[in-house]
Amino acid sequence: TISAALAGAAGSLYAHYFRIIDPD
């Protein structure tokens, strides 16, 4: 659970930095 939550935080940074996400 904690591991997944930290990975989700990284994913959020990715989305707001690149400002575009797709299934890739």
mmCIF file of all heavy atoms, coordinates in Angstrom:
data_MODEL
# 
_entry.id   MODEL 
# 
loop_
_atom_site.group_PDB 
_atom_site.id 
_atom_site.type_symbol 
_atom_site.label_atom_id 
_atom_site.label_alt_id 
_atom_site.label_comp_id 
_atom_site.label_asym_id 
_atom_site.label_entity_id 
_atom_site.label_seq_id 
_atom_site.pdbx_PDB_ins_code 
_atom_site.Cartn_x 
_atom_site.Cartn_y 
_atom_site.Cartn_z 
_atom_site.occupancy 
_atom_site.B_iso_or_equiv 
_atom_site.pdbx_formal_charge 
_atom_site.auth_seq_id 
_atom_site.auth_comp_id 
_atom_site.auth_asym_id 
_atom_site.auth_atom_id 
_atom_site.pdbx_PDB_model_num 
ATOM 1   N N   . THR A 1 1  ? 0.827  -1.209 0.000   1.00 0.00 ? 1  THR A N   1 
ATOM 2   C CA  . THR A 1 1  ? 0.000  0.000  0.000   1.00 0.00 ? 1  THR A CA  1 
ATOM 3   C C   . THR A 1 1  ? 0.860  1.257  0.000   1.00 0.00 ? 1  THR A C   1 
ATOM 4   O O   . THR A 1 1  ? 0.641  2.184  -0.792  1.00 0.00 ? 1  THR A O   1 
ATOM 5   C CB  . THR A 1 1  ? -0.931 0.001  1.222   1.00 0.00 ? 1  THR A CB  1 
ATOM 6   O OG1 . THR A 1 1  ? -1.746 -1.179 1.210   1.00 0.00 ? 1  THR A OG1 1 
ATOM 7   C CG2 . THR A 1 1  ? -1.819 1.229  1.219   1.00 0.00 ? 1  THR A CG2 1 
ATOM 8   N N   . ILE A 1 2  ? 1.853  1.283  0.888   1.00 0.00 ? 2  ILE A N   1 
ATOM 9   C CA  . ILE A 1 2  ? 2.738  2.460  0.965   1.00 0.00 ? 2  ILE A CA  1 
ATOM 10  C C   . ILE A 1 2  ? 3.561  2.586  -0.306  1.00 0.00 ? 2  ILE A C   1 
ATOM 11  O O   . ILE A 1 2  ? 3.754  3.687  -0.838  1.00 0.00 ? 2  ILE A O   1 
ATOM 12  C CB  . ILE A 1 2  ? 3.645  2.348  2.203   1.00 0.00 ? 2  ILE A CB  1 
ATOM 13  C CG1 . ILE A 1 2  ? 2.797  2.325  3.471   1.00 0.00 ? 2  ILE A CG1 1 
ATOM 14  C CG2 . ILE A 1 2  ? 4.638  3.505  2.255   1.00 0.00 ? 2  ILE A CG2 1 
ATOM 15  C CD1 . ILE A 1 2  ? 3.570  2.069  4.740   1.00 0.00 ? 2  ILE A CD1 1 
ATOM 16  N N   . SER A 1 3  ? 4.054  1.467  -0.815  1.00 0.00 ? 3  SER A N   1 
ATOM 17  C CA  . SER A 1 3  ? 4.833  1.475  -2.042  1.00 0.00 ? 3  SER A CA  1 
ATOM 18  C C   . SER A 1 3  ? 4.012  2.013  -3.207  1.00 0.00 ? 3  SER A C   1 
ATOM 19  O O   . SER A 1 3  ? 4.490  2.840  -4.001  1.00 0.00 ? 3  SER A O   1 
ATOM 20  C CB  . SER A 1 3  ? 5.324  0.060  -2.351  1.00 0.00 ? 3  SER A CB  1 
ATOM 21  O OG  . SER A 1 3  ? 6.005  0.009  -3.583  1.00 0.00 ? 3  SER A OG  1 
ATOM 22  N N   . ALA A 1 4  ? 2.767  1.563  -3.320  1.00 0.00 ? 4  ALA A N   1 
ATOM 23  C CA  . ALA A 1 4  ? 1.895  2.028  -4.406  1.00 0.00 ? 4  ALA A CA  1 
ATOM 24  C C   . ALA A 1 4  ? 1.580  3.514  -4.262  1.00 0.00 ? 4  ALA A C   1 
ATOM 25  O O   . ALA A 1 4  ? 1.514  4.245  -5.259  1.00 0.00 ? 4  ALA A O   1 
ATOM 26  C CB  . ALA A 1 4  ? 0.612  1.206  -4.415  1.00 0.00 ? 4  ALA A CB  1 
ATOM 27  N N   . ALA A 1 5  ? 1.371  3.981  -3.033  1.00 0.00 ? 5  ALA A N   1 
ATOM 28  C CA  . ALA A 1 5  ? 1.069  5.395  -2.809  1.00 0.00 ? 5  ALA A CA  1 
ATOM 29  C C   . ALA A 1 5  ? 2.237  6.279  -3.238  1.00 0.00 ? 5  ALA A C   1 
ATOM 30  O O   . ALA A 1 5  ? 2.040  7.336  -3.864  1.00 0.00 ? 5  ALA A O   1 
ATOM 31  C CB  . ALA A 1 5  ? 0.735  5.633  -1.341  1.00 0.00 ? 5  ALA A CB  1 
ATOM 32  N N   . LEU A 1 6  ? 3.465  5.862  -2.943  1.00 0.00 ? 6  LEU A N   1 
ATOM 33  C CA  . LEU A 1 6  ? 4.639  6.637  -3.349  1.00 0.00 ? 6  LEU A CA  1 
ATOM 34  C C   . LEU A 1 6  ? 4.789  6.630  -4.874  1.00 0.00 ? 6  LEU A C   1 
ATOM 35  O O   . LEU A 1 6  ? 5.152  7.647  -5.476  1.00 0.00 ? 6  LEU A O   1 
ATOM 36  C CB  . LEU A 1 6  ? 5.897  6.069  -2.688  1.00 0.00 ? 6  LEU A CB  1 
ATOM 37  C CG  . LEU A 1 6  ? 5.974  6.198  -1.162  1.00 0.00 ? 6  LEU A CG  1 
ATOM 38  C CD1 . LEU A 1 6  ? 7.231  5.517  -0.640  1.00 0.00 ? 6  LEU A CD1 1 
ATOM 39  C CD2 . LEU A 1 6  ? 5.948  7.668  -0.747  1.00 0.00 ? 6  LEU A CD2 1 
ATOM 40  N N   . ALA A 1 7  ? 4.501  5.483  -5.491  1.00 0.00 ? 7  ALA A N   1 
ATOM 41  C CA  . ALA A 1 7  ? 4.542  5.423  -6.960  1.00 0.00 ? 7  ALA A CA  1 
ATOM 42  C C   . ALA A 1 7  ? 3.483  6.339  -7.563  1.00 0.00 ? 7  ALA A C   1 
ATOM 43  O O   . ALA A 1 7  ? 3.709  6.974  -8.603  1.00 0.00 ? 7  ALA A O   1 
ATOM 44  C CB  . ALA A 1 7  ? 4.335  3.987  -7.431  1.00 0.00 ? 7  ALA A CB  1 
ATOM 45  N N   . GLY A 1 8  ? 2.329  6.415  -6.932  1.00 0.00 ? 8  GLY A N   1 
ATOM 46  C CA  . GLY A 1 8  ? 1.281  7.321  -7.402  1.00 0.00 ? 8  GLY A CA  1 
ATOM 47  C C   . GLY A 1 8  ? 1.697  8.778  -7.322  1.00 0.00 ? 8  GLY A C   1 
ATOM 48  O O   . GLY A 1 8  ? 1.364  9.578  -8.199  1.00 0.00 ? 8  GLY A O   1 
ATOM 49  N N   . ALA A 1 9  ? 2.432  9.140  -6.264  1.00 0.00 ? 9  ALA A N   1 
ATOM 50  C CA  . ALA A 1 9  ? 2.945  10.504 -6.145  1.00 0.00 ? 9  ALA A CA  1 
ATOM 51  C C   . ALA A 1 9  ? 3.884  10.827 -7.304  1.00 0.00 ? 9  ALA A C   1 
ATOM 52  O O   . ALA A 1 9  ? 3.844  11.927 -7.875  1.00 0.00 ? 9  ALA A O   1 
ATOM 53  C CB  . ALA A 1 9  ? 3.668  10.679 -4.805  1.00 0.00 ? 9  ALA A CB  1 
ATOM 54  N N   . ALA A 1 10 ? 4.749  9.855  -7.667  1.00 0.00 ? 10 ALA A N   1 
ATOM 55  C CA  . ALA A 1 10 ? 5.642  10.048 -8.808  1.00 0.00 ? 10 ALA A CA  1 
ATOM 56  C C   . ALA A 1 10 ? 4.843  10.210 -10.096 1.00 0.00 ? 10 ALA A C   1 
ATOM 57  O O   . ALA A 1 10 ? 5.171  11.053 -10.948 1.00 0.00 ? 10 ALA A O   1 
ATOM 58  C CB  . ALA A 1 10 ? 6.606  8.864  -8.929  1.00 0.00 ? 10 ALA A CB  1 
ATOM 59  N N   . GLY A 1 11 ? 3.775  9.418  -10.251 1.00 0.00 ? 11 GLY A N   1 
ATOM 60  C CA  . GLY A 1 11 ? 2.932  9.538  -11.437 1.00 0.00 ? 11 GLY A CA  1 
ATOM 61  C C   . GLY A 1 11 ? 2.264  10.894 -11.537 1.00 0.00 ? 11 GLY A C   1 
ATOM 62  O O   . GLY A 1 11 ? 2.117  11.453 -12.639 1.00 0.00 ? 11 GLY A O   1 
ATOM 63  N N   . SER A 1 12 ? 1.865  11.463 -10.402 1.00 0.00 ? 12 SER A N   1 
ATOM 64  C CA  . SER A 1 12 ? 1.258  12.791 -10.402 1.00 0.00 ? 12 SER A CA  1 
ATOM 65  C C   . SER A 1 12 ? 2.245  13.851 -10.885 1.00 0.00 ? 12 SER A C   1 
ATOM 66  O O   . SER A 1 12 ? 1.897  14.724 -11.693 1.00 0.00 ? 12 SER A O   1 
ATOM 67  C CB  . SER A 1 12 ? 0.773  13.137 -8.988  1.00 0.00 ? 12 SER A CB  1 
ATOM 68  O OG  . SER A 1 12 ? 0.285  14.462 -8.928  1.00 0.00 ? 12 SER A OG  1 
ATOM 69  N N   . LEU A 1 13 ? 3.488  13.776 -10.402 1.00 0.00 ? 13 LEU A N   1 
ATOM 70  C CA  . LEU A 1 13 ? 4.508  14.713 -10.871 1.00 0.00 ? 13 LEU A CA  1 
ATOM 71  C C   . LEU A 1 13 ? 4.714  14.582 -12.376 1.00 0.00 ? 13 LEU A C   1 
ATOM 72  O O   . LEU A 1 13 ? 4.877  15.587 -13.081 1.00 0.00 ? 13 LEU A O   1 
ATOM 73  C CB  . LEU A 1 13 ? 5.830  14.453 -10.139 1.00 0.00 ? 13 LEU A CB  1 
ATOM 74  C CG  . LEU A 1 13 ? 5.842  14.678 -8.627  1.00 0.00 ? 13 LEU A CG  1 
ATOM 75  C CD1 . LEU A 1 13 ? 7.240  14.421 -8.078  1.00 0.00 ? 13 LEU A CD1 1 
ATOM 76  C CD2 . LEU A 1 13 ? 5.387  16.096 -8.269  1.00 0.00 ? 13 LEU A CD2 1 
ATOM 77  N N   . TYR A 1 14 ? 4.719  13.346 -12.866 1.00 0.00 ? 14 TYR A N   1 
ATOM 78  C CA  . TYR A 1 14 ? 4.886  13.089 -14.295 1.00 0.00 ? 14 TYR A CA  1 
ATOM 79  C C   . TYR A 1 14 ? 3.775  13.762 -15.105 1.00 0.00 ? 14 TYR A C   1 
ATOM 80  O O   . TYR A 1 14 ? 4.032  14.406 -16.127 1.00 0.00 ? 14 TYR A O   1 
ATOM 81  C CB  . TYR A 1 14 ? 4.899  11.580 -14.522 1.00 0.00 ? 14 TYR A CB  1 
ATOM 82  C CG  . TYR A 1 14 ? 5.091  11.150 -15.958 1.00 0.00 ? 14 TYR A CG  1 
ATOM 83  C CD1 . TYR A 1 14 ? 6.362  10.894 -16.461 1.00 0.00 ? 14 TYR A CD1 1 
ATOM 84  C CD2 . TYR A 1 14 ? 4.003  10.993 -16.809 1.00 0.00 ? 14 TYR A CD2 1 
ATOM 85  C CE1 . TYR A 1 14 ? 6.541  10.493 -17.778 1.00 0.00 ? 14 TYR A CE1 1 
ATOM 86  C CE2 . TYR A 1 14 ? 4.172  10.589 -18.132 1.00 0.00 ? 14 TYR A CE2 1 
ATOM 87  C CZ  . TYR A 1 14 ? 5.444  10.344 -18.606 1.00 0.00 ? 14 TYR A CZ  1 
ATOM 88  O OH  . TYR A 1 14 ? 5.616  9.949  -19.912 1.00 0.00 ? 14 TYR A OH  1 
ATOM 89  N N   . ALA A 1 15 ? 2.538  13.595 -14.651 1.00 0.00 ? 15 ALA A N   1 
ATOM 90  C CA  . ALA A 1 15 ? 1.394  14.137 -15.388 1.00 0.00 ? 15 ALA A CA  1 
ATOM 91  C C   . ALA A 1 15 ? 1.430  15.659 -15.438 1.00 0.00 ? 15 ALA A C   1 
ATOM 92  O O   . ALA A 1 15 ? 1.197  16.263 -16.496 1.00 0.00 ? 15 ALA A O   1 
ATOM 93  C CB  . ALA A 1 15 ? 0.093  13.652 -14.747 1.00 0.00 ? 15 ALA A CB  1 
ATOM 94  N N   . HIS A 1 16 ? 1.718  16.301 -14.321 1.00 0.00 ? 16 HIS A N   1 
ATOM 95  C CA  . HIS A 1 16 ? 1.669  17.761 -14.275 1.00 0.00 ? 16 HIS A CA  1 
ATOM 96  C C   . HIS A 1 16 ? 2.920  18.405 -14.864 1.00 0.00 ? 16 HIS A C   1 
ATOM 97  O O   . HIS A 1 16 ? 2.890  19.594 -15.193 1.00 0.00 ? 16 HIS A O   1 
ATOM 98  C CB  . HIS A 1 16 ? 1.457  18.228 -12.837 1.00 0.00 ? 16 HIS A CB  1 
ATOM 99  C CG  . HIS A 1 16 ? 0.100  17.918 -12.308 1.00 0.00 ? 16 HIS A CG  1 
ATOM 100 N ND1 . HIS A 1 16 ? -1.017 18.661 -12.646 1.00 0.00 ? 16 HIS A ND1 1 
ATOM 101 C CD2 . HIS A 1 16 ? -0.338 16.935 -11.489 1.00 0.00 ? 16 HIS A CD2 1 
ATOM 102 C CE1 . HIS A 1 16 ? -2.081 18.159 -12.041 1.00 0.00 ? 16 HIS A CE1 1 
ATOM 103 N NE2 . HIS A 1 16 ? -1.699 17.110 -11.333 1.00 0.00 ? 16 HIS A NE2 1 
ATOM 104 N N   . TYR A 1 17 ? 3.983  17.635 -15.004 1.00 0.00 ? 17 TYR A N   1 
ATOM 105 C CA  . TYR A 1 17 ? 5.181  18.178 -15.640 1.00 0.00 ? 17 TYR A CA  1 
ATOM 106 C C   . TYR A 1 17 ? 5.075  18.103 -17.161 1.00 0.00 ? 17 TYR A C   1 
ATOM 107 O O   . TYR A 1 17 ? 5.287  19.088 -17.864 1.00 0.00 ? 17 TYR A O   1 
ATOM 108 C CB  . TYR A 1 17 ? 6.424  17.452 -15.158 1.00 0.00 ? 17 TYR A CB  1 
ATOM 109 C CG  . TYR A 1 17 ? 7.684  17.879 -15.879 1.00 0.00 ? 17 TYR A CG  1 
ATOM 110 C CD1 . TYR A 1 17 ? 8.162  19.180 -15.746 1.00 0.00 ? 17 TYR A CD1 1 
ATOM 111 C CD2 . TYR A 1 17 ? 8.372  16.998 -16.706 1.00 0.00 ? 17 TYR A CD2 1 
ATOM 112 C CE1 . TYR A 1 17 ? 9.307  19.594 -16.406 1.00 0.00 ? 17 TYR A CE1 1 
ATOM 113 C CE2 . TYR A 1 17 ? 9.523  17.402 -17.376 1.00 0.00 ? 17 TYR A CE2 1 
ATOM 114 C CZ  . TYR A 1 17 ? 9.986  18.699 -17.233 1.00 0.00 ? 17 TYR A CZ  1 
ATOM 115 O OH  . TYR A 1 17 ? 11.108 19.102 -17.904 1.00 0.00 ? 17 TYR A OH  1 
ATOM 116 N N   . PHE A 1 18 ? 4.719  16.923 -17.684 1.00 0.00 ? 18 PHE A N   1 
ATOM 117 C CA  . PHE A 1 18 ? 4.623  16.767 -19.137 1.00 0.00 ? 18 PHE A CA  1 
ATOM 118 C C   . PHE A 1 18 ? 3.289  17.272 -19.683 1.00 0.00 ? 18 PHE A C   1 
ATOM 119 O O   . PHE A 1 18 ? 3.164  17.525 -20.880 1.00 0.00 ? 18 PHE A O   1 
ATOM 120 C CB  . PHE A 1 18 ? 4.833  15.303 -19.521 1.00 0.00 ? 18 PHE A CB  1 
ATOM 121 C CG  . PHE A 1 18 ? 6.246  14.851 -19.357 1.00 0.00 ? 18 PHE A CG  1 
ATOM 122 C CD1 . PHE A 1 18 ? 6.635  14.098 -18.263 1.00 0.00 ? 18 PHE A CD1 1 
ATOM 123 C CD2 . PHE A 1 18 ? 7.209  15.190 -20.295 1.00 0.00 ? 18 PHE A CD2 1 
ATOM 124 C CE1 . PHE A 1 18 ? 7.944  13.681 -18.106 1.00 0.00 ? 18 PHE A CE1 1 
ATOM 125 C CE2 . PHE A 1 18 ? 8.516  14.785 -20.154 1.00 0.00 ? 18 PHE A CE2 1 
ATOM 126 C CZ  . PHE A 1 18 ? 8.888  14.031 -19.053 1.00 0.00 ? 18 PHE A CZ  1 
ATOM 127 N N   . ARG A 1 19 ? 2.265  17.338 -18.831 1.00 0.00 ? 19 ARG A N   1 
ATOM 128 C CA  . ARG A 1 19 ? 0.954  17.898 -19.170 1.00 0.00 ? 19 ARG A CA  1 
ATOM 129 C C   . ARG A 1 19 ? 0.222  17.101 -20.238 1.00 0.00 ? 19 ARG A C   1 
ATOM 130 O O   . ARG A 1 19 ? -0.717 17.600 -20.855 1.00 0.00 ? 19 ARG A O   1 
ATOM 131 C CB  . ARG A 1 19 ? 1.090  19.367 -19.587 1.00 0.00 ? 19 ARG A CB  1 
ATOM 132 C CG  . ARG A 1 19 ? 1.778  20.254 -18.557 1.00 0.00 ? 19 ARG A CG  1 
ATOM 133 C CD  . ARG A 1 19 ? 1.717  21.704 -18.941 1.00 0.00 ? 19 ARG A CD  1 
ATOM 134 N NE  . ARG A 1 19 ? 0.323  22.156 -18.917 1.00 0.00 ? 19 ARG A NE  1 
ATOM 135 C CZ  . ARG A 1 19 ? -0.110 23.175 -19.653 1.00 0.00 ? 19 ARG A CZ  1 
ATOM 136 N NH1 . ARG A 1 19 ? 0.691  23.800 -20.491 1.00 0.00 ? 19 ARG A NH1 1 
ATOM 137 N NH2 . ARG A 1 19 ? -1.379 23.541 -19.577 1.00 0.00 ? 19 ARG A NH2 1 
ATOM 138 N N   . ILE A 1 20 ? 0.621  15.876 -20.467 1.00 0.00 ? 20 ILE A N   1 
ATOM 139 C CA  . ILE A 1 20 ? -0.072 14.984 -21.389 1.00 0.00 ? 20 ILE A CA  1 
ATOM 140 C C   . ILE A 1 20 ? 0.254  13.546 -20.985 1.00 0.00 ? 20 ILE A C   1 
ATOM 141 O O   . ILE A 1 20 ? 1.403  13.226 -20.694 1.00 0.00 ? 20 ILE A O   1 
ATOM 142 C CB  . ILE A 1 20 ? 0.343  15.241 -22.856 1.00 0.00 ? 20 ILE A CB  1 
ATOM 143 C CG1 . ILE A 1 20 ? -0.397 14.274 -23.791 1.00 0.00 ? 20 ILE A CG1 1 
ATOM 144 C CG2 . ILE A 1 20 ? 1.849  15.161 -23.034 1.00 0.00 ? 20 ILE A CG2 1 
ATOM 145 C CD1 . ILE A 1 20 ? -0.181 14.574 -25.267 1.00 0.00 ? 20 ILE A CD1 1 
ATOM 146 N N   . ILE A 1 21 ? -0.758 12.708 -20.929 1.00 0.00 ? 21 ILE A N   1 
ATOM 147 C CA  . ILE A 1 21 ? -0.545 11.291 -20.621 1.00 0.00 ? 21 ILE A CA  1 
ATOM 148 C C   . ILE A 1 21 ? -1.461 10.452 -21.491 1.00 0.00 ? 21 ILE A C   1 
ATOM 149 O O   . ILE A 1 21 ? -2.573 10.872 -21.846 1.00 0.00 ? 21 ILE A O   1 
ATOM 150 C CB  . ILE A 1 21 ? -0.799 10.956 -19.131 1.00 0.00 ? 21 ILE A CB  1 
ATOM 151 C CG1 . ILE A 1 21 ? -2.172 11.452 -18.676 1.00 0.00 ? 21 ILE A CG1 1 
ATOM 152 C CG2 . ILE A 1 21 ? 0.299  11.467 -18.241 1.00 0.00 ? 21 ILE A CG2 1 
ATOM 153 C CD1 . ILE A 1 21 ? -2.543 10.975 -17.292 1.00 0.00 ? 21 ILE A CD1 1 
ATOM 154 N N   . ASP A 1 22 ? -0.983 9.286  -21.863 1.00 0.00 ? 22 ASP A N   1 
ATOM 155 C CA  . ASP A 1 22 ? -1.773 8.324  -22.627 1.00 0.00 ? 22 ASP A CA  1 
ATOM 156 C C   . ASP A 1 22 ? -1.478 6.928  -22.082 1.00 0.00 ? 22 ASP A C   1 
ATOM 157 O O   . ASP A 1 22 ? -0.653 6.774  -21.167 1.00 0.00 ? 22 ASP A O   1 
ATOM 158 C CB  . ASP A 1 22 ? -1.455 8.430  -24.120 1.00 0.00 ? 22 ASP A CB  1 
ATOM 159 C CG  . ASP A 1 22 ? 0.015  8.186  -24.424 1.00 0.00 ? 22 ASP A CG  1 
ATOM 160 O OD1 . ASP A 1 22 ? 0.703  7.552  -23.588 1.00 0.00 ? 22 ASP A OD1 1 
ATOM 161 O OD2 . ASP A 1 22 ? 0.491  8.626  -25.482 1.00 0.00 ? 22 ASP A OD2 1 
ATOM 162 N N   . PRO A 1 23 ? -2.132 5.895  -22.599 1.00 0.00 ? 23 PRO A N   1 
ATOM 163 C CA  . PRO A 1 23 ? -1.917 4.548  -22.053 1.00 0.00 ? 23 PRO A CA  1 
ATOM 164 C C   . PRO A 1 23 ? -0.481 4.037  -22.151 1.00 0.00 ? 23 PRO A C   1 
ATOM 165 O O   . PRO A 1 23 ? -0.145 3.045  -21.493 1.00 0.00 ? 23 PRO A O   1 
ATOM 166 C CB  . PRO A 1 23 ? -2.870 3.686  -22.904 1.00 0.00 ? 23 PRO A CB  1 
ATOM 167 C CG  . PRO A 1 23 ? -3.961 4.623  -23.311 1.00 0.00 ? 23 PRO A CG  1 
ATOM 168 C CD  . PRO A 1 23 ? -3.283 5.932  -23.536 1.00 0.00 ? 23 PRO A CD  1 
ATOM 169 N N   . ASP A 1 24 ? 0.376  4.694  -22.926 1.00 0.00 ? 24 ASP A N   1 
ATOM 170 C CA  . ASP A 1 24 ? 1.774  4.272  -23.000 1.00 0.00 ? 24 ASP A CA  1 
ATOM 171 C C   . ASP A 1 24 ? 2.501  4.449  -21.679 1.00 0.00 ? 24 ASP A C   1 
ATOM 172 O O   . ASP A 1 24 ? 3.603  3.917  -21.506 1.00 0.00 ? 24 ASP A O   1 
ATOM 173 C CB  . ASP A 1 24 ? 2.509  5.053  -24.093 1.00 0.00 ? 24 ASP A CB  1 
ATOM 174 C CG  . ASP A 1 24 ? 2.153  4.554  -25.491 1.00 0.00 ? 24 ASP A CG  1 
ATOM 175 O OD1 . ASP A 1 24 ? 1.527  3.483  -25.589 1.00 0.00 ? 24 ASP A OD1 1 
ATOM 176 O OD2 . ASP A 1 24 ? 2.488  5.242  -26.478 1.00 0.00 ? 24 ASP A OD2 1 
# 
